[in-house]
């Protein structure tokens, strides 16, 4: 495994709960739809094609670093990229999201899911190496979708509000469920290993839909598989910080922390001070400005940024971020102003 070169960056220091010269900030979905240069580059290019083209991955990942001055880059990709690379027939449809041609709802379909080989995502390896060379001391964050969220897409056949089929299979066929999630944990873990081996300095495990579960269901059906992914990274590269993020997961924060995270991402619903207490002093927190507030006037945004930073000071370490991804209609100049203000506010 490659050793990250940017060990003294404010972002990595905060992840490791060390003193930082300034509070680090990056944004989920910073490499994407809010930037006019991204829209111009992506015009006429399908999402999965962009995610498989090293030159596009590299340029799109670099765009927000150049424009916004964030303290970390995040790899431009999608959570279904490793699924497609492993042979699953999935496409990302504009305005819809991931759509699976043949949903996975029985043992035979699960058995057909093969492991991910590193060469299946050689384009990611190539892009990460190019990015590390370009970024210098700015860390690159790799990421993958967590087993529950990947399983939900596969079972539902696409996005779902109720996750009804997912929960029905989880409870009605637990042996099928656990085998599916075990295979998905292997795929996600291998995907992250490829990124880390190529030079990614940190990783984020993104569990979009885990907030739809009760704490009991999460502990029984999800936590062991997310822990397996994070353990894979920890064993391969113990120096690489592991971020664990979910949406609507305030009630799950202690379990998500216990799954093996160094940093727990917090959405906008939970105050960072409460999150810090929930995850304990051994973990940093990340978050958590409501992305929608970036559409409000600057004085409103500035007040919220100051409040969140004050709450973050009560944690062992704080990485400023949004409580979910940047909305497409966000003005990039607003993002740049947030970065400047966060950098002006001294960390605790």
C-alpha atoms as a PDB file:
ATOM      1  CA  UNK A   1       0.000   0.000   0.000  1.00  0.00           C
ATOM      2  CA  UNK A   2       1.159   3.538  -0.737  1.00  0.00           C
ATOM      3  CA  UNK A   3       1.819   5.811   2.207  1.00  0.00           C
ATOM      4  CA  UNK A   4      -0.099   9.112   1.999  1.00  0.00           C
ATOM      5  CA  UNK A   5       2.236  12.060   1.486  1.00  0.00           C
ATOM      6  CA  UNK A   6       0.025  14.768   2.985  1.00  0.00           C
ATOM      7  CA  UNK A   7       0.092  13.623   6.601  1.00  0.00           C
ATOM      8  CA  UNK A   8       0.355  17.156   7.981  1.00  0.00           C
ATOM      9  CA  UNK A   9      -2.659  18.602   6.185  1.00  0.00           C
ATOM     10  CA  UNK A  10      -5.355  20.274   8.323  1.00  0.00           C
ATOM     11  CA  UNK A  11      -7.907  17.752   7.038  1.00  0.00           C
ATOM     12  CA  UNK A  12      -5.904  14.691   8.065  1.00  0.00           C
ATOM     13  CA  UNK A  13      -4.893  16.292  11.354  1.00  0.00           C
ATOM     14  CA  UNK A  14      -8.551  16.911  12.242  1.00  0.00           C
ATOM     15  CA  UNK A  15      -9.484  13.363  11.249  1.00  0.00           C
ATOM     16  CA  UNK A  16      -6.783  12.109  13.617  1.00  0.00           C
ATOM     17  CA  UNK A  17      -7.943  14.475  16.378  1.00  0.00           C
ATOM     18  CA  UNK A  18      -4.697  16.436  16.294  1.00  0.00           C
ATOM     19  CA  UNK A  19      -4.300  20.226  16.530  1.00  0.00           C
ATOM     20  CA  UNK A  20      -4.796  22.045  13.239  1.00  0.00           C
ATOM     21  CA  UNK A  21      -3.617  25.443  12.085  1.00  0.00           C
ATOM     22  CA  UNK A  22      -7.029  26.047  10.562  1.00  0.00           C
ATOM     23  CA  UNK A  23     -10.334  24.252  10.546  1.00  0.00           C
ATOM     24  CA  UNK A  24     -10.520  22.049   7.406  1.00  0.00           C
ATOM     25  CA  UNK A  25     -13.489  22.135   5.055  1.00  0.00           C
ATOM     26  CA  UNK A  26     -14.632  20.134   2.054  1.00  0.00           C
ATOM     27  CA  UNK A  27     -18.094  19.459   0.619  1.00  0.00           C
ATOM     28  CA  UNK A  28     -19.823  16.256  -0.313  1.00  0.00           C
ATOM     29  CA  UNK A  29     -20.645  16.416  -4.049  1.00  0.00           C
ATOM     30  CA  UNK A  30     -18.240  19.331  -4.424  1.00  0.00           C
ATOM     31  CA  UNK A  31     -17.013  17.708  -7.647  1.00  0.00           C
ATOM     32  CA  UNK A  32     -20.184  18.031  -9.635  1.00  0.00           C
ATOM     33  CA  UNK A  33     -23.403  19.623 -10.616  1.00  0.00           C
ATOM     34  CA  UNK A  34     -23.118  23.083  -9.072  1.00  0.00           C
ATOM     35  CA  UNK A  35     -20.018  23.991 -11.090  1.00  0.00           C
ATOM     36  CA  UNK A  36     -20.509  25.392 -14.615  1.00  0.00           C
ATOM     37  CA  UNK A  37     -17.183  23.905 -15.717  1.00  0.00           C
ATOM     38  CA  UNK A  38     -18.435  20.482 -14.633  1.00  0.00           C
ATOM     39  CA  UNK A  39     -21.666  20.849 -16.579  1.00  0.00           C
ATOM     40  CA  UNK A  40     -19.738  21.902 -19.662  1.00  0.00           C
ATOM     41  CA  UNK A  41     -17.387  18.936 -19.387  1.00  0.00           C
ATOM     42  CA  UNK A  42     -20.199  16.448 -18.789  1.00  0.00           C
ATOM     43  CA  UNK A  43     -22.451  17.663 -21.608  1.00  0.00           C
ATOM     44  CA  UNK A  44     -23.447  14.634 -23.673  1.00  0.00           C
ATOM     45  CA  UNK A  45     -21.342  12.263 -21.543  1.00  0.00           C
ATOM     46  CA  UNK A  46     -23.264   9.566 -19.592  1.00  0.00           C
ATOM     47  CA  UNK A  47     -22.465   9.405 -15.885  1.00  0.00           C
ATOM     48  CA  UNK A  48     -20.932   5.923 -15.921  1.00  0.00           C
ATOM     49  CA  UNK A  49     -18.821   6.834 -18.941  1.00  0.00           C
ATOM     50  CA  UNK A  50     -17.442   9.822 -17.039  1.00  0.00           C
ATOM     51  CA  UNK A  51     -16.763   7.600 -14.022  1.00  0.00           C
ATOM     52  CA  UNK A  52     -14.760   5.185 -16.215  1.00  0.00           C
ATOM     53  CA  UNK A  53     -12.629   7.769 -18.000  1.00  0.00           C
ATOM     54  CA  UNK A  54      -9.453   8.630 -16.045  1.00  0.00           C
ATOM     55  CA  UNK A  55      -9.008  12.023 -17.689  1.00  0.00           C
ATOM     56  CA  UNK A  56     -12.559  13.060 -16.802  1.00  0.00           C
ATOM     57  CA  UNK A  57     -12.325  11.663 -13.273  1.00  0.00           C
ATOM     58  CA  UNK A  58      -9.128  13.627 -12.739  1.00  0.00           C
ATOM     59  CA  UNK A  59     -10.352  16.929 -14.147  1.00  0.00           C
ATOM     60  CA  UNK A  60     -13.731  16.832 -12.393  1.00  0.00           C
ATOM     61  CA  UNK A  61     -12.123  15.963  -9.058  1.00  0.00           C
ATOM     62  CA  UNK A  62      -9.702  18.884  -9.387  1.00  0.00           C
ATOM     63  CA  UNK A  63     -12.281  21.516 -10.394  1.00  0.00           C
ATOM     64  CA  UNK A  64     -13.602  22.383  -6.908  1.00  0.00           C
ATOM     65  CA  UNK A  65     -10.112  22.377  -5.409  1.00  0.00           C
ATOM     66  CA  UNK A  66      -9.061  25.030  -7.901  1.00  0.00           C
ATOM     67  CA  UNK A  67     -12.216  27.110  -7.610  1.00  0.00           C
ATOM     68  CA  UNK A  68     -13.099  26.832  -3.918  1.00  0.00           C
ATOM     69  CA  UNK A  69      -9.841  26.290  -2.040  1.00  0.00           C
ATOM     70  CA  UNK A  70     -11.169  23.312  -0.084  1.00  0.00           C
ATOM     71  CA  UNK A  71      -8.824  21.303   2.123  1.00  0.00           C
ATOM     72  CA  UNK A  72      -9.455  17.954   0.468  1.00  0.00           C
ATOM     73  CA  UNK A  73     -10.480  16.583  -2.900  1.00  0.00           C
ATOM     74  CA  UNK A  74     -13.029  13.783  -3.149  1.00  0.00           C
ATOM     75  CA  UNK A  75     -12.806  11.275  -5.968  1.00  0.00           C
ATOM     76  CA  UNK A  76     -15.387  11.822  -8.685  1.00  0.00           C
ATOM     77  CA  UNK A  77     -17.237   8.517  -8.955  1.00  0.00           C
ATOM     78  CA  UNK A  78     -20.551   6.947  -8.001  1.00  0.00           C
ATOM     79  CA  UNK A  79     -21.473   4.299  -5.469  1.00  0.00           C
ATOM     80  CA  UNK A  80     -22.670   1.920  -8.206  1.00  0.00           C
ATOM     81  CA  UNK A  81     -19.386   2.055 -10.163  1.00  0.00           C
ATOM     82  CA  UNK A  82     -17.947  -1.061  -8.466  1.00  0.00           C
ATOM     83  CA  UNK A  83     -21.263  -2.898  -8.913  1.00  0.00           C
ATOM     84  CA  UNK A  84     -21.186  -2.265 -12.641  1.00  0.00           C
ATOM     85  CA  UNK A  85     -17.512  -3.211 -12.727  1.00  0.00           C
ATOM     86  CA  UNK A  86     -18.379  -6.525 -11.045  1.00  0.00           C
ATOM     87  CA  UNK A  87     -20.808  -7.332 -13.859  1.00  0.00           C
ATOM     88  CA  UNK A  88     -24.138  -6.124 -12.462  1.00  0.00           C
ATOM     89  CA  UNK A  89     -26.380  -4.542 -15.100  1.00  0.00           C
ATOM     90  CA  UNK A  90     -26.919  -1.110 -13.558  1.00  0.00           C
ATOM     91  CA  UNK A  91     -27.194   2.282 -15.204  1.00  0.00           C
ATOM     92  CA  UNK A  92     -27.466   5.822 -13.863  1.00  0.00           C
ATOM     93  CA  UNK A  93     -30.436   7.468 -15.500  1.00  0.00           C
ATOM     94  CA  UNK A  94     -30.590  11.284 -15.517  1.00  0.00           C
ATOM     95  CA  UNK A  95     -33.209  12.570 -13.119  1.00  0.00           C
ATOM     96  CA  UNK A  96     -33.753   9.103 -11.657  1.00  0.00           C
ATOM     97  CA  UNK A  97     -30.500   7.667 -10.338  1.00  0.00           C
ATOM     98  CA  UNK A  98     -29.215   4.096 -10.387  1.00  0.00           C
ATOM     99  CA  UNK A  99     -31.544   1.616 -12.096  1.00  0.00           C
ATOM    100  CA  UNK A 100     -30.901  -2.130 -11.956  1.00  0.00           C
ATOM    101  CA  UNK A 101     -32.035  -4.197 -14.942  1.00  0.00           C
ATOM    102  CA  UNK A 102     -32.655  -7.384 -12.915  1.00  0.00           C
ATOM    103  CA  UNK A 103     -33.314  -6.745  -9.219  1.00  0.00           C
ATOM    104  CA  UNK A 104     -31.679  -9.115  -6.723  1.00  0.00           C
ATOM    105  CA  UNK A 105     -34.373 -10.797  -4.630  1.00  0.00           C
ATOM    106  CA  UNK A 106     -33.419 -14.430  -4.101  1.00  0.00           C
ATOM    107  CA  UNK A 107     -30.494 -16.680  -3.294  1.00  0.00           C
ATOM    108  CA  UNK A 108     -29.774 -17.488  -6.937  1.00  0.00           C
ATOM    109  CA  UNK A 109     -29.433 -13.829  -7.839  1.00  0.00           C
ATOM    110  CA  UNK A 110     -27.140 -13.263  -4.872  1.00  0.00           C
ATOM    111  CA  UNK A 111     -24.987 -16.239  -5.832  1.00  0.00           C
ATOM    112  CA  UNK A 112     -24.469 -14.712  -9.275  1.00  0.00           C
ATOM    113  CA  UNK A 113     -22.748 -11.621  -7.834  1.00  0.00           C
ATOM    114  CA  UNK A 114     -19.021 -12.098  -8.288  1.00  0.00           C
ATOM    115  CA  UNK A 115     -16.200 -10.453  -6.323  1.00  0.00           C
ATOM    116  CA  UNK A 116     -14.569  -7.283  -7.595  1.00  0.00           C
ATOM    117  CA  UNK A 117     -11.038  -7.708  -8.922  1.00  0.00           C
ATOM    118  CA  UNK A 118      -8.659  -4.719  -8.771  1.00  0.00           C
ATOM    119  CA  UNK A 119      -8.249  -4.698 -12.546  1.00  0.00           C
ATOM    120  CA  UNK A 120     -12.023  -4.324 -12.928  1.00  0.00           C
ATOM    121  CA  UNK A 121     -11.546  -0.703 -11.862  1.00  0.00           C
ATOM    122  CA  UNK A 122      -8.154  -0.002 -13.349  1.00  0.00           C
ATOM    123  CA  UNK A 123      -9.436   3.368 -14.563  1.00  0.00           C
ATOM    124  CA  UNK A 124      -9.946   4.385 -10.936  1.00  0.00           C
ATOM    125  CA  UNK A 125      -6.385   3.360 -10.065  1.00  0.00           C
ATOM    126  CA  UNK A 126      -5.076   5.412 -12.985  1.00  0.00           C
ATOM    127  CA  UNK A 127      -7.127   8.461 -12.015  1.00  0.00           C
ATOM    128  CA  UNK A 128      -6.148   8.327  -8.345  1.00  0.00           C
ATOM    129  CA  UNK A 129      -2.450   8.164  -9.215  1.00  0.00           C
ATOM    130  CA  UNK A 130      -2.814  11.144 -11.534  1.00  0.00           C
ATOM    131  CA  UNK A 131      -4.748  13.067  -8.896  1.00  0.00           C
ATOM    132  CA  UNK A 132      -2.239  12.434  -6.140  1.00  0.00           C
ATOM    133  CA  UNK A 133       0.486  13.776  -8.413  1.00  0.00           C
ATOM    134  CA  UNK A 134      -1.562  16.894  -9.234  1.00  0.00           C
ATOM    135  CA  UNK A 135      -2.870  17.581  -5.727  1.00  0.00           C
ATOM    136  CA  UNK A 136       0.453  17.669  -3.929  1.00  0.00           C
ATOM    137  CA  UNK A 137      -0.246  18.348  -0.245  1.00  0.00           C
ATOM    138  CA  UNK A 138      -4.028  18.402  -0.691  1.00  0.00           C
ATOM    139  CA  UNK A 139      -5.402  15.004   0.408  1.00  0.00           C
ATOM    140  CA  UNK A 140      -7.626  12.911  -1.820  1.00  0.00           C
ATOM    141  CA  UNK A 141     -10.647  11.205  -0.256  1.00  0.00           C
ATOM    142  CA  UNK A 142     -11.738   7.916  -1.771  1.00  0.00           C
ATOM    143  CA  UNK A 143     -15.229   6.641  -1.224  1.00  0.00           C
ATOM    144  CA  UNK A 144     -17.612   3.733  -1.592  1.00  0.00           C
ATOM    145  CA  UNK A 145     -21.255   2.997  -0.944  1.00  0.00           C
ATOM    146  CA  UNK A 146     -22.038   1.004   2.177  1.00  0.00           C
ATOM    147  CA  UNK A 147     -23.542  -2.500   1.861  1.00  0.00           C
ATOM    148  CA  UNK A 148     -27.028  -1.496   3.023  1.00  0.00           C
ATOM    149  CA  UNK A 149     -27.411   1.297   0.493  1.00  0.00           C
ATOM    150  CA  UNK A 150     -25.996  -0.845  -2.324  1.00  0.00           C
ATOM    151  CA  UNK A 151     -28.301  -3.709  -1.328  1.00  0.00           C
ATOM    152  CA  UNK A 152     -31.306  -1.394  -1.324  1.00  0.00           C
ATOM    153  CA  UNK A 153     -30.633  -0.304  -4.908  1.00  0.00           C
ATOM    154  CA  UNK A 154     -30.171  -3.902  -6.015  1.00  0.00           C
ATOM    155  CA  UNK A 155     -33.312  -5.182  -4.302  1.00  0.00           C
ATOM    156  CA  UNK A 156     -35.602  -2.267  -5.136  1.00  0.00           C
ATOM    157  CA  UNK A 157     -34.278  -1.960  -8.672  1.00  0.00           C
ATOM    158  CA  UNK A 158     -33.675   1.748  -8.173  1.00  0.00           C
ATOM    159  CA  UNK A 159     -34.240   4.573  -5.672  1.00  0.00           C
ATOM    160  CA  UNK A 160     -36.955   4.002  -3.075  1.00  0.00           C
ATOM    161  CA  UNK A 161     -38.595   6.087  -0.391  1.00  0.00           C
ATOM    162  CA  UNK A 162     -39.956   3.212   1.677  1.00  0.00           C
ATOM    163  CA  UNK A 163     -37.302   0.523   1.087  1.00  0.00           C
ATOM    164  CA  UNK A 164     -40.192  -1.896   1.505  1.00  0.00           C
ATOM    165  CA  UNK A 165     -38.774  -4.760  -0.561  1.00  0.00           C
ATOM    166  CA  UNK A 166     -35.418  -4.317   1.126  1.00  0.00           C
ATOM    167  CA  UNK A 167     -36.870  -4.578   4.618  1.00  0.00           C
ATOM    168  CA  UNK A 168     -39.095  -7.483   3.609  1.00  0.00           C
ATOM    169  CA  UNK A 169     -36.126  -9.480   2.333  1.00  0.00           C
ATOM    170  CA  UNK A 170     -34.013  -8.481   5.316  1.00  0.00           C
ATOM    171  CA  UNK A 171     -36.529  -9.865   7.770  1.00  0.00           C
ATOM    172  CA  UNK A 172     -38.155 -12.561   5.653  1.00  0.00           C
ATOM    173  CA  UNK A 173     -34.988 -14.122   4.212  1.00  0.00           C
ATOM    174  CA  UNK A 174     -32.208 -13.150   6.619  1.00  0.00           C
ATOM    175  CA  UNK A 175     -29.794 -15.740   5.261  1.00  0.00           C
ATOM    176  CA  UNK A 176     -30.159 -14.301   1.754  1.00  0.00           C
ATOM    177  CA  UNK A 177     -29.804 -10.796   3.133  1.00  0.00           C
ATOM    178  CA  UNK A 178     -26.581 -11.517   5.000  1.00  0.00           C
ATOM    179  CA  UNK A 179     -25.048 -13.316   2.033  1.00  0.00           C
ATOM    180  CA  UNK A 180     -25.912 -10.370  -0.227  1.00  0.00           C
ATOM    181  CA  UNK A 181     -24.445  -7.838   2.179  1.00  0.00           C
ATOM    182  CA  UNK A 182     -21.356  -9.983   2.703  1.00  0.00           C
ATOM    183  CA  UNK A 183     -20.703  -9.966  -1.036  1.00  0.00           C
ATOM    184  CA  UNK A 184     -21.338  -6.242  -1.256  1.00  0.00           C
ATOM    185  CA  UNK A 185     -19.001  -5.607   1.670  1.00  0.00           C
ATOM    186  CA  UNK A 186     -16.316  -7.493  -0.228  1.00  0.00           C
ATOM    187  CA  UNK A 187     -16.905  -5.383  -3.336  1.00  0.00           C
ATOM    188  CA  UNK A 188     -16.907  -2.088  -1.412  1.00  0.00           C
ATOM    189  CA  UNK A 189     -13.828  -3.060   0.576  1.00  0.00           C
ATOM    190  CA  UNK A 190     -11.901  -3.993  -2.562  1.00  0.00           C
ATOM    191  CA  UNK A 191     -12.971  -0.760  -4.259  1.00  0.00           C
ATOM    192  CA  UNK A 192     -11.591   1.263  -1.343  1.00  0.00           C
ATOM    193  CA  UNK A 193      -8.386  -0.795  -1.247  1.00  0.00           C
ATOM    194  CA  UNK A 194      -7.737   0.051  -4.895  1.00  0.00           C
ATOM    195  CA  UNK A 195      -8.116   3.760  -4.130  1.00  0.00           C
ATOM    196  CA  UNK A 196      -5.894   3.627  -1.060  1.00  0.00           C
ATOM    197  CA  UNK A 197      -3.227   1.577  -2.824  1.00  0.00           C
ATOM    198  CA  UNK A 198      -3.104   4.222  -5.559  1.00  0.00           C
ATOM    199  CA  UNK A 199      -2.616   7.002  -3.008  1.00  0.00           C
ATOM    200  CA  UNK A 200      -5.938   8.142  -1.513  1.00  0.00           C
ATOM    201  CA  UNK A 201      -5.245   9.674   1.909  1.00  0.00           C
ATOM    202  CA  UNK A 202      -8.663   8.994   3.494  1.00  0.00           C
ATOM    203  CA  UNK A 203     -11.878   7.157   2.637  1.00  0.00           C
ATOM    204  CA  UNK A 204     -15.568   7.738   3.242  1.00  0.00           C
ATOM    205  CA  UNK A 205     -18.146   4.954   3.495  1.00  0.00           C
ATOM    206  CA  UNK A 206     -21.420   6.512   2.352  1.00  0.00           C
ATOM    207  CA  UNK A 207     -24.660   4.930   3.635  1.00  0.00           C
ATOM    208  CA  UNK A 208     -27.332   7.064   1.972  1.00  0.00           C
ATOM    209  CA  UNK A 209     -30.359   5.141   3.191  1.00  0.00           C
ATOM    210  CA  UNK A 210     -29.355   3.717   6.581  1.00  0.00           C
ATOM    211  CA  UNK A 211     -31.503   6.319   8.332  1.00  0.00           C
ATOM    212  CA  UNK A 212     -34.577   4.377   7.195  1.00  0.00           C
ATOM    213  CA  UNK A 213     -33.755   1.671   9.757  1.00  0.00           C
ATOM    214  CA  UNK A 214     -34.386   1.314  13.461  1.00  0.00           C
ATOM    215  CA  UNK A 215     -31.365   1.106  15.742  1.00  0.00           C
ATOM    216  CA  UNK A 216     -32.137  -2.571  16.394  1.00  0.00           C
ATOM    217  CA  UNK A 217     -32.345  -3.442  12.706  1.00  0.00           C
ATOM    218  CA  UNK A 218     -29.175  -1.518  11.981  1.00  0.00           C
ATOM    219  CA  UNK A 219     -27.275  -3.381  14.692  1.00  0.00           C
ATOM    220  CA  UNK A 220     -28.464  -6.792  13.499  1.00  0.00           C
ATOM    221  CA  UNK A 221     -28.588  -6.485   9.733  1.00  0.00           C
ATOM    222  CA  UNK A 222     -26.236  -3.674   8.728  1.00  0.00           C
ATOM    223  CA  UNK A 223     -23.499  -2.821  11.228  1.00  0.00           C
ATOM    224  CA  UNK A 224     -21.560  -6.109  10.822  1.00  0.00           C
ATOM    225  CA  UNK A 225     -21.271  -5.590   7.070  1.00  0.00           C
ATOM    226  CA  UNK A 226     -20.278  -1.921   7.247  1.00  0.00           C
ATOM    227  CA  UNK A 227     -17.733  -2.927   9.883  1.00  0.00           C
ATOM    228  CA  UNK A 228     -16.321  -5.502   7.464  1.00  0.00           C
ATOM    229  CA  UNK A 229     -15.714  -2.796   4.844  1.00  0.00           C
ATOM    230  CA  UNK A 230     -14.032  -0.453   7.321  1.00  0.00           C
ATOM    231  CA  UNK A 231     -11.989  -3.328   8.740  1.00  0.00           C
ATOM    232  CA  UNK A 232     -10.705  -4.143   5.251  1.00  0.00           C
ATOM    233  CA  UNK A 233      -9.329  -0.604   4.940  1.00  0.00           C
ATOM    234  CA  UNK A 234      -7.951  -0.599   8.489  1.00  0.00           C
ATOM    235  CA  UNK A 235      -6.068  -3.831   7.893  1.00  0.00           C
ATOM    236  CA  UNK A 236      -4.718  -2.757   4.516  1.00  0.00           C
ATOM    237  CA  UNK A 237      -3.779   0.811   5.489  1.00  0.00           C
ATOM    238  CA  UNK A 238      -4.189   1.594   9.195  1.00  0.00           C
ATOM    239  CA  UNK A 239      -2.832   5.131   8.705  1.00  0.00           C
ATOM    240  CA  UNK A 240      -5.736   6.092   6.431  1.00  0.00           C
ATOM    241  CA  UNK A 241      -8.646   7.797   8.264  1.00  0.00           C
ATOM    242  CA  UNK A 242     -12.053   6.202   7.749  1.00  0.00           C
ATOM    243  CA  UNK A 243     -15.159   8.425   7.596  1.00  0.00           C
ATOM    244  CA  UNK A 244     -18.614   6.885   8.028  1.00  0.00           C
ATOM    245  CA  UNK A 245     -21.590   8.963   6.886  1.00  0.00           C
ATOM    246  CA  UNK A 246     -25.325   8.406   6.596  1.00  0.00           C
ATOM    247  CA  UNK A 247     -28.416  10.521   6.090  1.00  0.00           C
ATOM    248  CA  UNK A 248     -31.015  10.716   8.876  1.00  0.00           C
ATOM    249  CA  UNK A 249     -28.778   8.648  11.133  1.00  0.00           C
ATOM    250  CA  UNK A 250     -28.794  10.671  14.347  1.00  0.00           C
ATOM    251  CA  UNK A 251     -30.191   7.668  16.216  1.00  0.00           C
ATOM    252  CA  UNK A 252     -27.490   5.428  14.719  1.00  0.00           C
ATOM    253  CA  UNK A 253     -24.384   7.518  15.422  1.00  0.00           C
ATOM    254  CA  UNK A 254     -23.010   5.370  18.271  1.00  0.00           C
ATOM    255  CA  UNK A 255     -23.383   2.202  16.182  1.00  0.00           C
ATOM    256  CA  UNK A 256     -21.881   3.830  13.101  1.00  0.00           C
ATOM    257  CA  UNK A 257     -18.913   4.978  15.157  1.00  0.00           C
ATOM    258  CA  UNK A 258     -18.468   1.521  16.659  1.00  0.00           C
ATOM    259  CA  UNK A 259     -18.384  -0.010  13.180  1.00  0.00           C
ATOM    260  CA  UNK A 260     -14.826   1.196  12.799  1.00  0.00           C
ATOM    261  CA  UNK A 261     -14.847   4.871  11.848  1.00  0.00           C
ATOM    262  CA  UNK A 262     -12.242   7.453  12.845  1.00  0.00           C
ATOM    263  CA  UNK A 263     -14.628  10.226  11.784  1.00  0.00           C
ATOM    264  CA  UNK A 264     -18.421  10.141  11.876  1.00  0.00           C
ATOM    265  CA  UNK A 265     -20.263  12.291   9.370  1.00  0.00           C
ATOM    266  CA  UNK A 266     -23.358  14.021  10.725  1.00  0.00           C
ATOM    267  CA  UNK A 267     -26.282  15.292   8.688  1.00  0.00           C
ATOM    268  CA  UNK A 268     -27.949  18.637   9.469  1.00  0.00           C
ATOM    269  CA  UNK A 269     -30.616  17.169  11.773  1.00  0.00           C
ATOM    270  CA  UNK A 270     -28.285  16.495  14.706  1.00  0.00           C
ATOM    271  CA  UNK A 271     -26.243  19.208  16.455  1.00  0.00           C
ATOM    272  CA  UNK A 272     -22.527  18.477  16.306  1.00  0.00           C
ATOM    273  CA  UNK A 273     -22.295  18.894  20.063  1.00  0.00           C
ATOM    274  CA  UNK A 274     -24.822  16.073  20.531  1.00  0.00           C
ATOM    275  CA  UNK A 275     -23.093  14.005  17.868  1.00  0.00           C
ATOM    276  CA  UNK A 276     -19.738  14.435  19.590  1.00  0.00           C
ATOM    277  CA  UNK A 277     -21.227  13.101  22.814  1.00  0.00           C
ATOM    278  CA  UNK A 278     -22.819  10.186  20.953  1.00  0.00           C
ATOM    279  CA  UNK A 279     -19.655   9.029  19.177  1.00  0.00           C
ATOM    280  CA  UNK A 280     -17.286   9.654  22.067  1.00  0.00           C
ATOM    281  CA  UNK A 281     -13.862  11.268  22.416  1.00  0.00           C
ATOM    282  CA  UNK A 282     -12.088   8.679  20.265  1.00  0.00           C
ATOM    283  CA  UNK A 283     -13.661   9.970  17.056  1.00  0.00           C
ATOM    284  CA  UNK A 284     -13.838  13.239  15.188  1.00  0.00           C
ATOM    285  CA  UNK A 285     -17.027  14.550  13.604  1.00  0.00           C
ATOM    286  CA  UNK A 286     -17.732  15.913  10.153  1.00  0.00           C
ATOM    287  CA  UNK A 287     -20.508  18.271   9.098  1.00  0.00           C
ATOM    288  CA  UNK A 288     -23.087  19.645   9.069  1.00  0.00           C
ATOM    289  CA  UNK A 289     -24.549  22.715   7.341  1.00  0.00           C
ATOM    290  CA  UNK A 290     -27.937  22.086   5.719  1.00  0.00           C
ATOM    291  CA  UNK A 291     -27.207  22.210   1.949  1.00  0.00           C
ATOM    292  CA  UNK A 292     -30.473  24.050   1.338  1.00  0.00           C
ATOM    293  CA  UNK A 293     -29.297  26.997   3.430  1.00  0.00           C
ATOM    294  CA  UNK A 294     -26.659  27.776   0.824  1.00  0.00           C
ATOM    295  CA  UNK A 295     -29.521  29.232  -1.200  1.00  0.00           C
ATOM    296  CA  UNK A 296     -30.260  31.762   1.574  1.00  0.00           C
ATOM    297  CA  UNK A 297     -28.696  35.243   1.878  1.00  0.00           C
ATOM    298  CA  UNK A 298     -25.070  35.358   3.012  1.00  0.00           C
ATOM    299  CA  UNK A 299     -25.724  36.720   6.541  1.00  0.00           C
ATOM    300  CA  UNK A 300     -27.953  33.704   7.237  1.00  0.00           C
ATOM    301  CA  UNK A 301     -25.330  31.309   5.929  1.00  0.00           C
ATOM    302  CA  UNK A 302     -22.538  33.001   7.850  1.00  0.00           C
ATOM    303  CA  UNK A 303     -24.446  32.778  11.128  1.00  0.00           C
ATOM    304  CA  UNK A 304     -25.047  29.063  10.565  1.00  0.00           C
ATOM    305  CA  UNK A 305     -21.395  28.453   9.724  1.00  0.00           C
ATOM    306  CA  UNK A 306     -20.328  30.147  12.961  1.00  0.00           C
ATOM    307  CA  UNK A 307     -22.863  28.151  14.983  1.00  0.00           C
ATOM    308  CA  UNK A 308     -21.734  24.852  13.493  1.00  0.00           C
ATOM    309  CA  UNK A 309     -18.070  25.640  14.076  1.00  0.00           C
ATOM    310  CA  UNK A 310     -18.814  26.473  17.725  1.00  0.00           C
ATOM    311  CA  UNK A 311     -20.622  23.157  18.111  1.00  0.00           C
ATOM    312  CA  UNK A 312     -17.804  21.342  16.331  1.00  0.00           C
ATOM    313  CA  UNK A 313     -15.325  22.734  18.824  1.00  0.00           C
ATOM    314  CA  UNK A 314     -16.913  20.458  21.425  1.00  0.00           C
ATOM    315  CA  UNK A 315     -15.733  17.366  19.497  1.00  0.00           C
ATOM    316  CA  UNK A 316     -12.296  15.792  19.579  1.00  0.00           C
ATOM    317  CA  UNK A 317     -11.813  16.953  15.992  1.00  0.00           C
ATOM    318  CA  UNK A 318     -14.025  18.719  13.453  1.00  0.00           C
ATOM    319  CA  UNK A 319     -14.047  18.705   9.654  1.00  0.00           C
ATOM    320  CA  UNK A 320     -16.514  21.274   8.334  1.00  0.00           C
ATOM    321  CA  UNK A 321     -18.840  19.942   5.655  1.00  0.00           C
ATOM    322  CA  UNK A 322     -22.472  19.982   4.642  1.00  0.00           C
ATOM    323  CA  UNK A 323     -25.067  17.690   6.153  1.00  0.00           C
ATOM    324  CA  UNK A 324     -25.421  16.044   2.733  1.00  0.00           C
ATOM    325  CA  UNK A 325     -24.297  16.854  -0.810  1.00  0.00           C
ATOM    326  CA  UNK A 326     -24.128  20.187  -2.615  1.00  0.00           C
ATOM    327  CA  UNK A 327     -27.416  20.929  -4.393  1.00  0.00           C
ATOM    328  CA  UNK A 328     -27.183  21.508  -8.172  1.00  0.00           C
ATOM    329  CA  UNK A 329     -28.627  25.020  -7.930  1.00  0.00           C
ATOM    330  CA  UNK A 330     -25.992  26.197  -5.408  1.00  0.00           C
ATOM    331  CA  UNK A 331     -23.958  29.255  -6.380  1.00  0.00           C
ATOM    332  CA  UNK A 332     -20.268  28.245  -6.356  1.00  0.00           C
ATOM    333  CA  UNK A 333     -19.393  31.703  -5.051  1.00  0.00           C
ATOM    334  CA  UNK A 334     -21.407  30.906  -1.917  1.00  0.00           C
ATOM    335  CA  UNK A 335     -19.368  27.753  -1.409  1.00  0.00           C
ATOM    336  CA  UNK A 336     -16.159  29.760  -1.780  1.00  0.00           C
ATOM    337  CA  UNK A 337     -17.371  32.280   0.821  1.00  0.00           C
ATOM    338  CA  UNK A 338     -18.128  29.452   3.237  1.00  0.00           C
ATOM    339  CA  UNK A 339     -14.610  28.071   2.764  1.00  0.00           C
ATOM    340  CA  UNK A 340     -13.089  31.496   3.455  1.00  0.00           C
ATOM    341  CA  UNK A 341     -15.161  31.995   6.597  1.00  0.00           C
ATOM    342  CA  UNK A 342     -14.419  28.536   7.971  1.00  0.00           C
ATOM    343  CA  UNK A 343     -10.716  29.190   7.468  1.00  0.00           C
ATOM    344  CA  UNK A 344     -11.016  32.475   9.348  1.00  0.00           C
ATOM    345  CA  UNK A 345     -12.647  30.889  12.396  1.00  0.00           C
ATOM    346  CA  UNK A 346      -9.929  29.485  14.670  1.00  0.00           C
ATOM    347  CA  UNK A 347     -10.350  25.844  15.695  1.00  0.00           C
ATOM    348  CA  UNK A 348     -10.621  25.054  19.396  1.00  0.00           C
END
